[in-house]
Amino acid sequence: MTENSQSSTPTQDSGTSTPGSSSAGDAPATEFKVYKPPNSSTTSAPLEELPDSYFTPSPADLKAAQATLSARTRSLVDAPLQVRAQREAAEKSKRDRWPNTTIRVRFSDRTQLEKIFPSTDKIRSVYAFVRSSLRDDVKPIKFILYQSPPKRDLKVSDPNVRDLSLAQLQLAPSSVLLLRFEDESLNGTNVPAPLLPSIAESAIELPKPPSAEADPRKVEKSATPPTTSTTSTGKKIPKWLKAGLSTRLALLAFRFSYSFPGK
């Protein structure tokens, strides 16, 4: 069952109101952002080829990965031992750290609505905001907000969803939710997002992603010449592949000596 039809008036606790009130057909009186679909020129731009050294983990990378893995293992091992008070304390700490949650709702044409909600709000506040932003002829049509991948429907009718806060739903501090209408004719990638005209006209371009030159990890690694070997054809072998080949050759030599001890 999909989300039930709700009032087009946004909740009062889900945003900062702007001066003035909204009438029927106007944009909701809350602060938010709307982003245009990305241009094809930006999505089809060729990616810069990275050197082999970029993919070679540094000692700091390995240390950070090991620390993350150890922390995750400890959390899984200690989880059954946590009492209710400890879990509540952890949830309170998370709420104190992220009092607000930024939600982006992406339509099928990749238009995006962005709004900041209190992390204590329920998912119904997000539904109410999205519905209030739709055209009047689309407001009565049911829709579902979901995450993907993995696919996870966030239905108001689901008791495991509707009674939890945005923080408890693991949406804090920021999340992107996809939108699917019950009417499939509204879900095409070439169908413009059915937003109120006043909202559609205020759409801005998506912020550009950081360029490769701005990546300090790449700059640091590029400053060190990569250590590579060459094959008989003159092609370079990455350092990580060379290490793998050496390990395999050592294993083959050990198996040969074990099978023929007199050789």
C-alpha atoms as a PDB file:
ATOM      1  CA  MET A   1       0.000   0.000   0.000  1.00  0.00           C
ATOM      2  CA  THR A   2       1.353   3.388  -0.947  1.00  0.00           C
ATOM      3  CA  GLU A   3       1.321   6.641   0.952  1.00  0.00           C
ATOM      4  CA  ASN A   4      -2.114   8.114   1.560  1.00  0.00           C
ATOM      5  CA  SER A   5      -3.148  11.479   0.269  1.00  0.00           C
ATOM      6  CA  GLN A   6      -2.236  14.247   2.677  1.00  0.00           C
ATOM      7  CA  SER A   7      -2.916  17.917   3.087  1.00  0.00           C
ATOM      8  CA  SER A   8      -1.004  20.232   0.790  1.00  0.00           C
ATOM      9  CA  THR A   9      -0.089  22.491   3.713  1.00  0.00           C
ATOM     10  CA  PRO A  10       3.440  21.801   5.005  1.00  0.00           C
ATOM     11  CA  THR A  11       3.979  21.095   8.665  1.00  0.00           C
ATOM     12  CA  GLN A  12       4.980  24.037  10.783  1.00  0.00           C
ATOM     13  CA  ASP A  13       7.937  22.277  12.432  1.00  0.00           C
ATOM     14  CA  SER A  14       9.671  21.212   9.217  1.00  0.00           C
ATOM     15  CA  GLY A  15      11.442  24.348   8.147  1.00  0.00           C
ATOM     16  CA  THR A  16      11.835  28.065   8.629  1.00  0.00           C
ATOM     17  CA  SER A  17       8.877  30.027   7.304  1.00  0.00           C
ATOM     18  CA  THR A  18       9.419  32.926   4.969  1.00  0.00           C
ATOM     19  CA  PRO A  19       7.471  36.181   5.245  1.00  0.00           C
ATOM     20  CA  GLY A  20       3.973  36.054   3.866  1.00  0.00           C
ATOM     21  CA  SER A  21       1.472  33.254   3.512  1.00  0.00           C
ATOM     22  CA  SER A  22       0.833  30.975   0.563  1.00  0.00           C
ATOM     23  CA  SER A  23      -2.505  30.642  -1.189  1.00  0.00           C
ATOM     24  CA  ALA A  24      -3.794  27.725  -3.265  1.00  0.00           C
ATOM     25  CA  GLY A  25      -1.440  26.995  -6.169  1.00  0.00           C
ATOM     26  CA  ASP A  26       1.454  28.942  -4.670  1.00  0.00           C
ATOM     27  CA  ALA A  27       4.747  27.535  -3.445  1.00  0.00           C
ATOM     28  CA  PRO A  28       4.866  26.344   0.163  1.00  0.00           C
ATOM     29  CA  ALA A  29       5.986  29.032   2.600  1.00  0.00           C
ATOM     30  CA  THR A  30       9.154  27.235   3.671  1.00  0.00           C
ATOM     31  CA  GLU A  31      12.808  27.618   2.783  1.00  0.00           C
ATOM     32  CA  PHE A  32      14.135  24.991   0.404  1.00  0.00           C
ATOM     33  CA  LYS A  33      16.184  24.548  -2.763  1.00  0.00           C
ATOM     34  CA  VAL A  34      15.335  23.014  -6.104  1.00  0.00           C
ATOM     35  CA  TYR A  35      18.018  21.855  -8.531  1.00  0.00           C
ATOM     36  CA  LYS A  36      17.703  21.483 -12.272  1.00  0.00           C
ATOM     37  CA  PRO A  37      18.527  18.165 -13.940  1.00  0.00           C
ATOM     38  CA  PRO A  38      22.252  17.974 -14.789  1.00  0.00           C
ATOM     39  CA  ASN A  39      23.173  18.925 -18.346  1.00  0.00           C
ATOM     40  CA  SER A  40      24.194  16.167 -20.715  1.00  0.00           C
ATOM     41  CA  SER A  41      27.463  17.999 -21.348  1.00  0.00           C
ATOM     42  CA  THR A  42      28.453  17.646 -17.711  1.00  0.00           C
ATOM     43  CA  THR A  43      27.444  14.002 -17.402  1.00  0.00           C
ATOM     44  CA  SER A  44      29.157  12.883 -20.619  1.00  0.00           C
ATOM     45  CA  ALA A  45      32.459  14.647 -19.987  1.00  0.00           C
ATOM     46  CA  PRO A  46      35.343  12.159 -20.257  1.00  0.00           C
ATOM     47  CA  LEU A  47      37.042  11.238 -17.015  1.00  0.00           C
ATOM     48  CA  GLU A  48      40.693  12.071 -16.597  1.00  0.00           C
ATOM     49  CA  GLU A  49      42.925   9.019 -16.651  1.00  0.00           C
ATOM     50  CA  LEU A  50      44.616   8.527 -13.289  1.00  0.00           C
ATOM     51  CA  PRO A  51      48.158   7.170 -12.858  1.00  0.00           C
ATOM     52  CA  ASP A  52      48.761   3.713 -11.397  1.00  0.00           C
ATOM     53  CA  SER A  53      50.166   5.302  -8.249  1.00  0.00           C
ATOM     54  CA  TYR A  54      46.735   6.742  -7.454  1.00  0.00           C
ATOM     55  CA  PHE A  55      45.358   3.232  -6.892  1.00  0.00           C
ATOM     56  CA  THR A  56      48.288   2.131  -4.727  1.00  0.00           C
ATOM     57  CA  PRO A  57      47.222   2.529  -1.073  1.00  0.00           C
ATOM     58  CA  SER A  58      49.592   4.490   1.087  1.00  0.00           C
ATOM     59  CA  PRO A  59      50.519   3.415   4.638  1.00  0.00           C
ATOM     60  CA  ALA A  60      48.066   6.025   5.943  1.00  0.00           C
ATOM     61  CA  ASP A  61      45.282   4.591   3.756  1.00  0.00           C
ATOM     62  CA  LEU A  62      45.948   1.056   5.019  1.00  0.00           C
ATOM     63  CA  LYS A  63      46.060   2.248   8.627  1.00  0.00           C
ATOM     64  CA  ALA A  64      42.740   4.100   8.252  1.00  0.00           C
ATOM     65  CA  ALA A  65      41.089   1.100   6.573  1.00  0.00           C
ATOM     66  CA  GLN A  66      42.312  -1.219   9.343  1.00  0.00           C
ATOM     67  CA  ALA A  67      41.001   1.155  12.017  1.00  0.00           C
ATOM     68  CA  THR A  68      37.596   1.324  10.321  1.00  0.00           C
ATOM     69  CA  LEU A  69      37.423  -2.452  10.002  1.00  0.00           C
ATOM     70  CA  SER A  70      38.422  -2.951  13.646  1.00  0.00           C
ATOM     71  CA  ALA A  71      35.820  -0.448  14.849  1.00  0.00           C
ATOM     72  CA  ARG A  72      33.105  -2.124  12.777  1.00  0.00           C
ATOM     73  CA  THR A  73      34.083  -5.551  14.095  1.00  0.00           C
ATOM     74  CA  ARG A  74      34.013  -4.320  17.692  1.00  0.00           C
ATOM     75  CA  SER A  75      30.569  -2.782  17.179  1.00  0.00           C
ATOM     76  CA  LEU A  76      29.211  -6.066  15.808  1.00  0.00           C
ATOM     77  CA  VAL A  77      30.740  -8.094  18.632  1.00  0.00           C
ATOM     78  CA  ASP A  78      29.640  -5.707  21.386  1.00  0.00           C
ATOM     79  CA  ALA A  79      26.153  -5.021  20.007  1.00  0.00           C
ATOM     80  CA  PRO A  80      24.431  -7.916  21.829  1.00  0.00           C
ATOM     81  CA  LEU A  81      26.041  -6.797  25.103  1.00  0.00           C
ATOM     82  CA  GLN A  82      24.651  -3.275  24.980  1.00  0.00           C
ATOM     83  CA  VAL A  83      21.833  -2.645  27.387  1.00  0.00           C
ATOM     84  CA  ARG A  84      18.895  -0.435  26.599  1.00  0.00           C
ATOM     85  CA  ALA A  85      20.346   2.535  28.466  1.00  0.00           C
ATOM     86  CA  GLN A  86      23.517   2.393  26.381  1.00  0.00           C
ATOM     87  CA  ARG A  87      21.574   2.281  23.125  1.00  0.00           C
ATOM     88  CA  GLU A  88      19.451   5.243  24.204  1.00  0.00           C
ATOM     89  CA  ALA A  89      22.589   7.155  25.166  1.00  0.00           C
ATOM     90  CA  ALA A  90      24.077   6.423  21.729  1.00  0.00           C
ATOM     91  CA  GLU A  91      20.900   7.629  20.001  1.00  0.00           C
ATOM     92  CA  LYS A  92      20.863  10.806  22.095  1.00  0.00           C
ATOM     93  CA  SER A  93      24.486  11.454  21.205  1.00  0.00           C
ATOM     94  CA  LYS A  94      23.612  11.076  17.520  1.00  0.00           C
ATOM     95  CA  ARG A  95      20.678  13.490  17.866  1.00  0.00           C
ATOM     96  CA  ASP A  96      22.888  16.024  19.626  1.00  0.00           C
ATOM     97  CA  ARG A  97      25.509  15.690  16.911  1.00  0.00           C
ATOM     98  CA  TRP A  98      23.048  15.956  14.000  1.00  0.00           C
ATOM     99  CA  PRO A  99      20.028  17.998  15.152  1.00  0.00           C
ATOM    100  CA  ASN A 100      19.017  18.584  11.511  1.00  0.00           C
ATOM    101  CA  THR A 101      18.742  16.296   8.500  1.00  0.00           C
ATOM    102  CA  THR A 102      19.118  17.454   4.905  1.00  0.00           C
ATOM    103  CA  ILE A 103      16.823  15.525   2.560  1.00  0.00           C
ATOM    104  CA  ARG A 104      17.053  15.629  -1.233  1.00  0.00           C
ATOM    105  CA  VAL A 105      14.102  14.197  -3.145  1.00  0.00           C
ATOM    106  CA  ARG A 106      15.022  13.187  -6.702  1.00  0.00           C
ATOM    107  CA  PHE A 107      12.356  12.990  -9.413  1.00  0.00           C
ATOM    108  CA  SER A 108      12.590  10.688 -12.427  1.00  0.00           C
ATOM    109  CA  ASP A 109      13.989  13.479 -14.629  1.00  0.00           C
ATOM    110  CA  ARG A 110      16.716  14.054 -11.965  1.00  0.00           C
ATOM    111  CA  THR A 111      15.235  17.309 -10.713  1.00  0.00           C
ATOM    112  CA  GLN A 112      15.907  17.515  -6.977  1.00  0.00           C
ATOM    113  CA  LEU A 113      14.119  19.159  -4.058  1.00  0.00           C
ATOM    114  CA  GLU A 114      16.258  19.840  -1.010  1.00  0.00           C
ATOM    115  CA  LYS A 115      15.085  20.817   2.451  1.00  0.00           C
ATOM    116  CA  ILE A 116      16.431  20.702   5.998  1.00  0.00           C
ATOM    117  CA  PHE A 117      14.247  18.976   8.604  1.00  0.00           C
ATOM    118  CA  PRO A 118      14.704  18.519  12.344  1.00  0.00           C
ATOM    119  CA  SER A 119      16.153  15.064  12.878  1.00  0.00           C
ATOM    120  CA  THR A 120      13.282  14.351  15.277  1.00  0.00           C
ATOM    121  CA  ASP A 121      10.716  14.752  12.472  1.00  0.00           C
ATOM    122  CA  LYS A 122       8.947  11.721  11.043  1.00  0.00           C
ATOM    123  CA  ILE A 123       8.929  10.718   7.371  1.00  0.00           C
ATOM    124  CA  ARG A 124       5.416  12.157   7.051  1.00  0.00           C
ATOM    125  CA  SER A 125       6.946  15.646   7.234  1.00  0.00           C
ATOM    126  CA  VAL A 126       8.966  14.910   4.103  1.00  0.00           C
ATOM    127  CA  TYR A 127       5.860  13.566   2.319  1.00  0.00           C
ATOM    128  CA  ALA A 128       3.886  16.674   3.302  1.00  0.00           C
ATOM    129  CA  PHE A 129       6.602  18.987   1.975  1.00  0.00           C
ATOM    130  CA  VAL A 130       6.908  17.137  -1.339  1.00  0.00           C
ATOM    131  CA  ARG A 131       3.139  17.025  -1.837  1.00  0.00           C
ATOM    132  CA  SER A 132       2.823  20.754  -1.131  1.00  0.00           C
ATOM    133  CA  SER A 133       5.431  21.375  -3.875  1.00  0.00           C
ATOM    134  CA  LEU A 134       3.510  19.477  -6.586  1.00  0.00           C
ATOM    135  CA  ARG A 135       1.152  20.931  -9.150  1.00  0.00           C
ATOM    136  CA  ASP A 136      -2.494  21.023  -8.119  1.00  0.00           C
ATOM    137  CA  ASP A 137      -3.469  18.368 -10.687  1.00  0.00           C
ATOM    138  CA  VAL A 138      -0.771  16.013  -9.347  1.00  0.00           C
ATOM    139  CA  LYS A 139      -1.303  16.532  -5.608  1.00  0.00           C
ATOM    140  CA  PRO A 140      -4.021  13.818  -5.331  1.00  0.00           C
ATOM    141  CA  ILE A 141      -1.778  11.175  -6.968  1.00  0.00           C
ATOM    142  CA  LYS A 142      -0.097   8.825  -4.510  1.00  0.00           C
ATOM    143  CA  PHE A 143       3.684   8.438  -4.496  1.00  0.00           C
ATOM    144  CA  ILE A 144       6.383   6.579  -2.595  1.00  0.00           C
ATOM    145  CA  LEU A 145       9.727   7.816  -1.330  1.00  0.00           C
ATOM    146  CA  TYR A 146      12.442   5.174  -1.344  1.00  0.00           C
ATOM    147  CA  GLN A 147      16.187   4.594  -1.271  1.00  0.00           C
ATOM    148  CA  SER A 148      18.243   2.608  -3.759  1.00  0.00           C
ATOM    149  CA  PRO A 149      20.476   0.624  -3.765  1.00  0.00           C
ATOM    150  CA  PRO A 150      19.570  -1.440  -1.875  1.00  0.00           C
ATOM    151  CA  LYS A 151      15.911  -0.702  -2.458  1.00  0.00           C
ATOM    152  CA  ARG A 152      14.119   0.446   0.684  1.00  0.00           C
ATOM    153  CA  ASP A 153      10.586   1.835   0.602  1.00  0.00           C
ATOM    154  CA  LEU A 154       9.794   4.515   3.191  1.00  0.00           C
ATOM    155  CA  LYS A 155       6.004   4.258   3.318  1.00  0.00           C
ATOM    156  CA  VAL A 156       3.917   6.204   5.789  1.00  0.00           C
ATOM    157  CA  SER A 157       1.667   3.142   6.019  1.00  0.00           C
ATOM    158  CA  ASP A 158       4.562   0.987   7.267  1.00  0.00           C
ATOM    159  CA  PRO A 159       4.524   0.844  11.109  1.00  0.00           C
ATOM    160  CA  ASN A 160       8.279   0.198  11.062  1.00  0.00           C
ATOM    161  CA  VAL A 161       8.770   3.527   9.284  1.00  0.00           C
ATOM    162  CA  ARG A 162       6.029   5.966  10.265  1.00  0.00           C
ATOM    163  CA  ASP A 163       6.773   5.941  14.013  1.00  0.00           C
ATOM    164  CA  LEU A 164      10.522   6.457  13.679  1.00  0.00           C
ATOM    165  CA  SER A 165      12.322   9.777  13.445  1.00  0.00           C
ATOM    166  CA  LEU A 166      14.561  10.671  10.522  1.00  0.00           C
ATOM    167  CA  ALA A 167      17.570   9.970  12.720  1.00  0.00           C
ATOM    168  CA  GLN A 168      16.207   6.549  13.709  1.00  0.00           C
ATOM    169  CA  LEU A 169      15.622   5.788  10.034  1.00  0.00           C
ATOM    170  CA  GLN A 170      19.373   6.372   9.490  1.00  0.00           C
ATOM    171  CA  LEU A 171      18.682   9.366   7.228  1.00  0.00           C
ATOM    172  CA  ALA A 172      20.736  11.854   9.268  1.00  0.00           C
ATOM    173  CA  PRO A 173      22.745  13.921   8.617  1.00  0.00           C
ATOM    174  CA  SER A 174      21.817  13.863   4.905  1.00  0.00           C
ATOM    175  CA  SER A 175      20.146  11.478   2.468  1.00  0.00           C
ATOM    176  CA  VAL A 176      18.849  11.305  -1.094  1.00  0.00           C
ATOM    177  CA  LEU A 177      15.368   9.824  -1.544  1.00  0.00           C
ATOM    178  CA  LEU A 178      13.926   8.771  -4.889  1.00  0.00           C
ATOM    179  CA  LEU A 179      10.288   9.404  -5.792  1.00  0.00           C
ATOM    180  CA  ARG A 180       7.966   7.046  -7.639  1.00  0.00           C
ATOM    181  CA  PHE A 181       4.382   7.977  -8.557  1.00  0.00           C
ATOM    182  CA  GLU A 182       1.559   5.457  -8.606  1.00  0.00           C
ATOM    183  CA  ASP A 183       0.734   6.812 -12.065  1.00  0.00           C
ATOM    184  CA  GLU A 184       3.519   5.395 -14.246  1.00  0.00           C
ATOM    185  CA  SER A 185       3.051   8.139 -16.842  1.00  0.00           C
ATOM    186  CA  LEU A 186       4.758  10.512 -14.385  1.00  0.00           C
ATOM    187  CA  ASN A 187       7.824   8.321 -13.870  1.00  0.00           C
ATOM    188  CA  GLY A 188       9.516   8.670 -17.275  1.00  0.00           C
ATOM    189  CA  THR A 189      13.021  10.111 -17.416  1.00  0.00           C
ATOM    190  CA  ASN A 190      11.822  12.544 -20.097  1.00  0.00           C
ATOM    191  CA  VAL A 191       8.834  13.711 -18.010  1.00  0.00           C
ATOM    192  CA  PRO A 192       9.551  17.048 -16.268  1.00  0.00           C
ATOM    193  CA  ALA A 193       9.071  17.025 -12.515  1.00  0.00           C
ATOM    194  CA  PRO A 194       5.425  18.069 -11.870  1.00  0.00           C
ATOM    195  CA  LEU A 195       6.304  20.949  -9.572  1.00  0.00           C
ATOM    196  CA  LEU A 196       4.418  24.170  -9.038  1.00  0.00           C
ATOM    197  CA  PRO A 197       5.422  26.748 -11.680  1.00  0.00           C
ATOM    198  CA  SER A 198       6.781  29.101  -9.029  1.00  0.00           C
ATOM    199  CA  ILE A 199       9.055  26.334  -7.738  1.00  0.00           C
ATOM    200  CA  ALA A 200      10.165  25.113 -11.167  1.00  0.00           C
ATOM    201  CA  GLU A 201      11.118  28.675 -12.141  1.00  0.00           C
ATOM    202  CA  SER A 202      13.352  29.017  -9.068  1.00  0.00           C
ATOM    203  CA  ALA A 203      15.437  25.953  -9.948  1.00  0.00           C
ATOM    204  CA  ILE A 204      19.200  26.447  -9.928  1.00  0.00           C
ATOM    205  CA  GLU A 205      22.092  24.429 -11.323  1.00  0.00           C
ATOM    206  CA  LEU A 206      23.542  21.605  -9.266  1.00  0.00           C
ATOM    207  CA  PRO A 207      26.855  22.468  -7.616  1.00  0.00           C
ATOM    208  CA  LYS A 208      29.758  21.184  -9.659  1.00  0.00           C
ATOM    209  CA  PRO A 209      31.667  18.244  -8.138  1.00  0.00           C
ATOM    210  CA  PRO A 210      35.217  18.971  -6.988  1.00  0.00           C
ATOM    211  CA  SER A 211      37.772  18.683  -9.773  1.00  0.00           C
ATOM    212  CA  ALA A 212      40.564  16.116  -9.756  1.00  0.00           C
ATOM    213  CA  GLU A 213      43.106  18.886  -9.204  1.00  0.00           C
ATOM    214  CA  ALA A 214      41.423  19.676  -5.881  1.00  0.00           C
ATOM    215  CA  ASP A 215      41.972  16.142  -4.558  1.00  0.00           C
ATOM    216  CA  PRO A 216      44.913  16.372  -2.122  1.00  0.00           C
ATOM    217  CA  ARG A 217      45.351  12.596  -2.227  1.00  0.00           C
ATOM    218  CA  LYS A 218      45.920  12.688  -5.973  1.00  0.00           C
ATOM    219  CA  VAL A 219      48.309  15.652  -5.726  1.00  0.00           C
ATOM    220  CA  GLU A 220      50.283  13.901  -3.004  1.00  0.00           C
ATOM    221  CA  LYS A 221      50.514  10.642  -4.922  1.00  0.00           C
ATOM    222  CA  SER A 222      51.221  12.301  -8.261  1.00  0.00           C
ATOM    223  CA  ALA A 223      54.251  14.019  -6.732  1.00  0.00           C
ATOM    224  CA  THR A 224      55.864  10.602  -6.191  1.00  0.00           C
ATOM    225  CA  PRO A 225      56.842   8.795  -9.392  1.00  0.00           C
ATOM    226  CA  PRO A 226      55.121   5.411  -9.628  1.00  0.00           C
ATOM    227  CA  THR A 227      57.207   2.270  -9.180  1.00  0.00           C
ATOM    228  CA  THR A 228      56.482  -0.018 -12.112  1.00  0.00           C
ATOM    229  CA  SER A 229      58.104  -2.777 -14.140  1.00  0.00           C
ATOM    230  CA  THR A 230      57.898  -3.510 -17.827  1.00  0.00           C
ATOM    231  CA  THR A 231      57.031  -6.683 -19.675  1.00  0.00           C
ATOM    232  CA  SER A 232      58.645  -8.019 -22.820  1.00  0.00           C
ATOM    233  CA  THR A 233      56.117  -6.023 -24.830  1.00  0.00           C
ATOM    234  CA  GLY A 234      57.195  -2.800 -23.187  1.00  0.00           C
ATOM    235  CA  LYS A 235      53.952  -2.282 -21.221  1.00  0.00           C
ATOM    236  CA  LYS A 236      54.206  -1.154 -17.614  1.00  0.00           C
ATOM    237  CA  ILE A 237      53.063  -3.426 -14.789  1.00  0.00           C
ATOM    238  CA  PRO A 238      51.499  -1.660 -11.792  1.00  0.00           C
ATOM    239  CA  LYS A 239      53.210  -2.147  -8.447  1.00  0.00           C
ATOM    240  CA  TRP A 240      50.218  -3.921  -6.911  1.00  0.00           C
ATOM    241  CA  LEU A 241      50.079  -6.382  -9.841  1.00  0.00           C
ATOM    242  CA  LYS A 242      53.815  -7.023  -9.625  1.00  0.00           C
ATOM    243  CA  ALA A 243      53.431  -7.936  -5.918  1.00  0.00           C
ATOM    244  CA  GLY A 244      50.600 -10.325  -6.762  1.00  0.00           C
ATOM    245  CA  LEU A 245      52.653 -12.061  -9.453  1.00  0.00           C
ATOM    246  CA  SER A 246      55.605 -12.451  -7.092  1.00  0.00           C
ATOM    247  CA  THR A 247      53.395 -14.074  -4.448  1.00  0.00           C
ATOM    248  CA  ARG A 248      51.917 -16.476  -6.997  1.00  0.00           C
ATOM    249  CA  LEU A 249      55.346 -17.493  -8.326  1.00  0.00           C
ATOM    250  CA  ALA A 250      56.553 -18.130  -4.770  1.00  0.00           C
ATOM    251  CA  LEU A 251      53.573 -20.398  -4.095  1.00  0.00           C
ATOM    252  CA  LEU A 252      54.189 -22.338  -7.312  1.00  0.00           C
ATOM    253  CA  ALA A 253      57.867 -22.820  -6.414  1.00  0.00           C
ATOM    254  CA  PHE A 254      56.915 -24.102  -2.956  1.00  0.00           C
ATOM    255  CA  ARG A 255      54.421 -26.599  -4.390  1.00  0.00           C
ATOM    256  CA  PHE A 256      57.025 -27.821  -6.920  1.00  0.00           C
ATOM    257  CA  SER A 257      59.687 -28.348  -4.247  1.00  0.00           C
ATOM    258  CA  TYR A 258      57.186 -30.150  -1.993  1.00  0.00           C
ATOM    259  CA  SER A 259      56.114 -32.483  -4.803  1.00  0.00           C
ATOM    260  CA  PHE A 260      59.707 -33.311  -5.843  1.00  0.00           C
ATOM    261  CA  PRO A 261      61.834 -33.069  -2.690  1.00  0.00           C
ATOM    262  CA  GLY A 262      64.882 -34.509  -4.421  1.00  0.00           C
ATOM    263  CA  LYS A 263      64.950 -31.893  -7.140  1.00  0.00           C
END
